[in-house]
Structure formats: structure tokens, C-alpha cells
C-alpha atoms as a PDB file:
ATOM      1  CA  MET A   1      17.509  35.013 -54.544  1.00  0.00           C
ATOM      2  CA  SER A   2      14.168  36.553 -54.541  1.00  0.00           C
ATOM      3  CA  THR A   3      12.503  33.149 -54.272  1.00  0.00           C
ATOM      4  CA  ILE A   4      14.376  32.353 -51.067  1.00  0.00           C
ATOM      5  CA  VAL A   5      13.383  35.643 -49.521  1.00  0.00           C
ATOM      6  CA  GLU A   6       9.791  35.268 -50.652  1.00  0.00           C
ATOM      7  CA  SER A   7       9.522  31.723 -49.272  1.00  0.00           C
ATOM      8  CA  ALA A   8      10.917  32.908 -45.962  1.00  0.00           C
ATOM      9  CA  ARG A   9       8.265  35.653 -45.877  1.00  0.00           C
ATOM     10  CA  ILE A  10       5.481  33.247 -46.687  1.00  0.00           C
ATOM     11  CA  GLY A  11       6.530  30.739 -43.991  1.00  0.00           C
ATOM     12  CA  ARG A  12       6.447  33.323 -41.196  1.00  0.00           C
ATOM     13  CA  ALA A  13       3.248  35.000 -40.150  1.00  0.00           C
ATOM     14  CA  ARG A  14       3.673  38.627 -39.295  1.00  0.00           C
ATOM     15  CA  PRO A  15       1.787  39.886 -36.235  1.00  0.00           C
ATOM     16  CA  ARG A  16      -0.658  42.646 -36.936  1.00  0.00           C
ATOM     17  CA  ALA A  17       0.318  46.045 -35.689  1.00  0.00           C
ATOM     18  CA  GLY A  18      -2.854  47.003 -33.720  1.00  0.00           C
ATOM     19  CA  THR A  19      -3.815  43.729 -31.971  1.00  0.00           C
ATOM     20  CA  ARG A  20      -2.788  42.253 -28.647  1.00  0.00           C
ATOM     21  CA  PRO A  21      -1.886  38.635 -28.254  1.00  0.00           C
ATOM     22  CA  ARG A  22      -4.931  36.575 -27.223  1.00  0.00           C
ATOM     23  CA  LEU A  23      -3.162  35.028 -24.270  1.00  0.00           C
ATOM     24  CA  LEU A  24      -2.793  38.334 -22.429  1.00  0.00           C
ATOM     25  CA  GLY A  25      -6.499  39.241 -22.671  1.00  0.00           C
ATOM     26  CA  GLY A  26      -7.577  35.774 -21.519  1.00  0.00           C
ATOM     27  CA  GLY A  27      -5.056  35.846 -18.663  1.00  0.00           C
ATOM     28  CA  VAL A  28      -6.505  39.068 -17.278  1.00  0.00           C
ATOM     29  CA  VAL A  29      -9.983  37.589 -17.372  1.00  0.00           C
ATOM     30  CA  TRP A  30      -8.816  34.486 -15.484  1.00  0.00           C
ATOM     31  CA  ILE A  31      -6.998  36.597 -12.886  1.00  0.00           C
ATOM     32  CA  VAL A  32     -10.115  38.706 -12.292  1.00  0.00           C
ATOM     33  CA  LEU A  33     -12.257  35.567 -12.109  1.00  0.00           C
ATOM     34  CA  PHE A  34      -9.961  33.891  -9.578  1.00  0.00           C
ATOM     35  CA  ALA A  35      -9.742  37.096  -7.520  1.00  0.00           C
ATOM     36  CA  ALA A  36     -13.540  37.272  -7.372  1.00  0.00           C
ATOM     37  CA  LEU A  37     -13.757  33.615  -6.372  1.00  0.00           C
ATOM     38  CA  LEU A  38     -11.148  34.082  -3.651  1.00  0.00           C
ATOM     39  CA  ALA A  39     -12.963  37.140  -2.346  1.00  0.00           C
ATOM     40  CA  GLY A  40     -16.148  35.058  -2.207  1.00  0.00           C
ATOM     41  CA  VAL A  41     -14.390  32.270  -0.303  1.00  0.00           C
ATOM     42  CA  VAL A  42     -13.002  34.776   2.192  1.00  0.00           C
ATOM     43  CA  ALA A  43     -16.445  36.335   2.657  1.00  0.00           C
ATOM     44  CA  VAL A  44     -18.000  32.913   3.277  1.00  0.00           C
ATOM     45  CA  ASN A  45     -15.264  32.018   5.781  1.00  0.00           C
ATOM     46  CA  VAL A  46     -15.775  35.285   7.670  1.00  0.00           C
ATOM     47  CA  THR A  47     -19.526  34.655   7.799  1.00  0.00           C
ATOM     48  CA  VAL A  48     -18.999  31.096   9.064  1.00  0.00           C
ATOM     49  CA  LEU A  49     -16.598  32.380  11.730  1.00  0.00           C
ATOM     50  CA  ARG A  50     -19.142  34.950  12.931  1.00  0.00           C
ATOM     51  CA  LEU A  51     -21.873  32.306  13.066  1.00  0.00           C
ATOM     52  CA  ASN A  52     -19.595  29.975  15.038  1.00  0.00           C
ATOM     53  CA  LEU A  53     -18.888  32.749  17.540  1.00  0.00           C
ATOM     54  CA  GLN A  54     -22.622  33.377  17.941  1.00  0.00           C
ATOM     55  CA  LEU A  55     -23.219  29.646  18.325  1.00  0.00           C
ATOM     56  CA  ASP A  56     -20.564  29.416  21.055  1.00  0.00           C
ATOM     57  CA  GLU A  57     -22.122  32.365  22.891  1.00  0.00           C
ATOM     58  CA  ILE A  58     -25.582  30.823  22.665  1.00  0.00           C
ATOM     59  CA  GLY A  59     -24.218  27.480  23.902  1.00  0.00           C
ATOM     60  CA  ARG A  60     -22.576  29.194  26.863  1.00  0.00           C
ATOM     61  CA  GLU A  61     -25.799  31.035  27.669  1.00  0.00           C
ATOM     62  CA  ARG A  62     -27.752  27.787  27.383  1.00  0.00           C
ATOM     63  CA  SER A  63     -25.427  26.083  29.861  1.00  0.00           C
ATOM     64  CA  GLU A  64     -25.816  28.970  32.309  1.00  0.00           C
ATOM     65  CA  LEU A  65     -29.612  28.842  31.988  1.00  0.00           C
ATOM     66  CA  ARG A  66     -29.622  25.088  32.600  1.00  0.00           C
ATOM     67  CA  ALA A  67     -27.541  25.603  35.748  1.00  0.00           C
ATOM     68  CA  ASP A  68     -29.961  28.329  36.894  1.00  0.00           C
ATOM     69  CA  VAL A  69     -32.939  26.038  36.290  1.00  0.00           C
ATOM     70  CA  ALA A  70     -31.261  23.262  38.292  1.00  0.00           C
ATOM     71  CA  ASN A  71     -30.605  25.653  41.190  1.00  0.00           C
ATOM     72  CA  LEU A  72     -34.178  26.932  41.126  1.00  0.00           C
ATOM     73  CA  ARG A  73     -35.544  23.376  41.081  1.00  0.00           C
ATOM     74  CA  SER A  74     -33.381  22.548  44.067  1.00  0.00           C
ATOM     75  CA  GLU A  75     -34.609  25.609  45.965  1.00  0.00           C
ATOM     76  CA  LEU A  76     -38.199  24.802  45.068  1.00  0.00           C
ATOM     77  CA  SER A  77     -37.784  21.230  46.217  1.00  0.00           C
ATOM     78  CA  SER A  78     -36.281  22.366  49.520  1.00  0.00           C
ATOM     79  CA  ALA A  79     -39.041  24.914  50.079  1.00  0.00           C
ATOM     80  CA  ALA A  80     -41.737  22.396  49.221  1.00  0.00           C
ATOM     81  CA  ALA A  81     -40.200  19.813  51.557  1.00  0.00           C
ATOM     82  CA  THR A  82     -40.102  22.280  54.468  1.00  0.00           C
ATOM     83  CA  ALA A  83     -43.714  23.328  53.946  1.00  0.00           C
ATOM     84  CA  ARG A  84     -44.794  19.686  53.607  1.00  0.00           C
ATOM     85  CA  ILE A  85     -42.997  18.686  56.800  1.00  0.00           C
ATOM     86  CA  GLU A  86     -44.574  21.573  58.742  1.00  0.00           C
ATOM     87  CA  ARG A  87     -48.042  20.678  57.412  1.00  0.00           C
ATOM     88  CA  ILE A  88     -47.675  17.019  58.367  1.00  0.00           C
ATOM     89  CA  ALA A  89     -46.312  17.949  61.805  1.00  0.00           C
ATOM     90  CA  THR A  90     -49.218  20.255  62.587  1.00  0.00           C
ATOM     91  CA  THR A  91     -52.108  18.310  61.038  1.00  0.00           C
ATOM     92  CA  GLU A  92     -51.208  14.660  61.520  1.00  0.00           C
ATOM     93  CA  LEU A  93     -48.970  14.779  64.581  1.00  0.00           C
ATOM     94  CA  GLY A  94     -50.585  17.710  66.380  1.00  0.00           C
ATOM     95  CA  LEU A  95     -47.273  19.490  66.923  1.00  0.00           C
ATOM     96  CA  THR A  96     -46.990  23.269  67.257  1.00  0.00           C
ATOM     97  CA  GLN A  97     -44.212  25.758  66.879  1.00  0.00           C
ATOM     98  CA  ALA A  98     -42.140  26.169  70.035  1.00  0.00           C
ATOM     99  CA  ASP A  99     -42.493  29.485  71.840  1.00  0.00           C
ATOM    100  CA  PRO A 100     -39.092  31.167  71.949  1.00  0.00           C
ATOM    101  CA  GLU A 101     -39.939  32.602  75.406  1.00  0.00           C
ATOM    102  CA  THR A 102     -40.339  29.178  76.968  1.00  0.00           C
ATOM    103  CA  THR A 103     -37.475  27.437  75.212  1.00  0.00           C
ATOM    104  CA  THR A 104     -34.644  26.357  77.478  1.00  0.00           C
ATOM    105  CA  TYR A 105     -31.273  25.071  76.488  1.00  0.00           C
ATOM    106  CA  VAL A 106     -29.177  22.545  78.352  1.00  0.00           C
ATOM    107  CA  ARG A 107     -25.456  23.010  78.218  1.00  0.00           C
ATOM    108  CA  LEU A 108     -23.387  19.916  78.580  1.00  0.00           C
ATOM    109  CA  GLY A 109     -19.960  20.035  80.132  1.00  0.00           C
ATOM    110  CA  ARG A 110     -16.887  18.798  78.443  1.00  0.00           C
END
């Protein structure tokens, strides 16, 4: 009988009393690694979101500035046209500004 008991003892490996299974230590390392990677992905996504918000704000400001430039160009064109017309009228055509004291208005009936 002792041979049967001894062969059963030899076939089974006994775990050592002071050691942890390797799988548990490796699992903790993987969990910490994945947590760090996920935290990095979240940080990158937050940074990209902030940059997109800034980009949208800058795009909106750019559109407003383009509209302002278009309005100013229109005003400048109108002012330049009025000054040009007055210059041509006075120099080439010999016209003068009408005196408000001598201006008369004709009212037409219905």
C-alpha cells in the first residue's frame, strides 16, 4: 500500500506555502497597464475636444471678420464713388453745389 500512496504523492505537485500563483500577479500588471492606457486615451480625447472647440470659435470669428471686411469694402466703395462723382461734376462739368436758400420745390397735385 505504501507504493500506491507514494506514487500518488509523486504524481501531484504540491503548491509551496509562501508563493502566490503567477497568474494573479500578471493579471494585476495587465489591469494596471490597461487602466493607464485607457486614462491616456481619455486624456487625448479631452484634448482633441478642447482643440475642436477652439477651432470652431476661431472659425466663427473668422467668418465675422470676413463679413466686417466686406461691409467696410462696400462703405469704402460707396464713399469713393460719391467723392469721384462730385469731383467729376465740379471739374469736368462745371457744376456747383445748390444753395439751400435759393432752392425751390414744385409740388405736383394728385
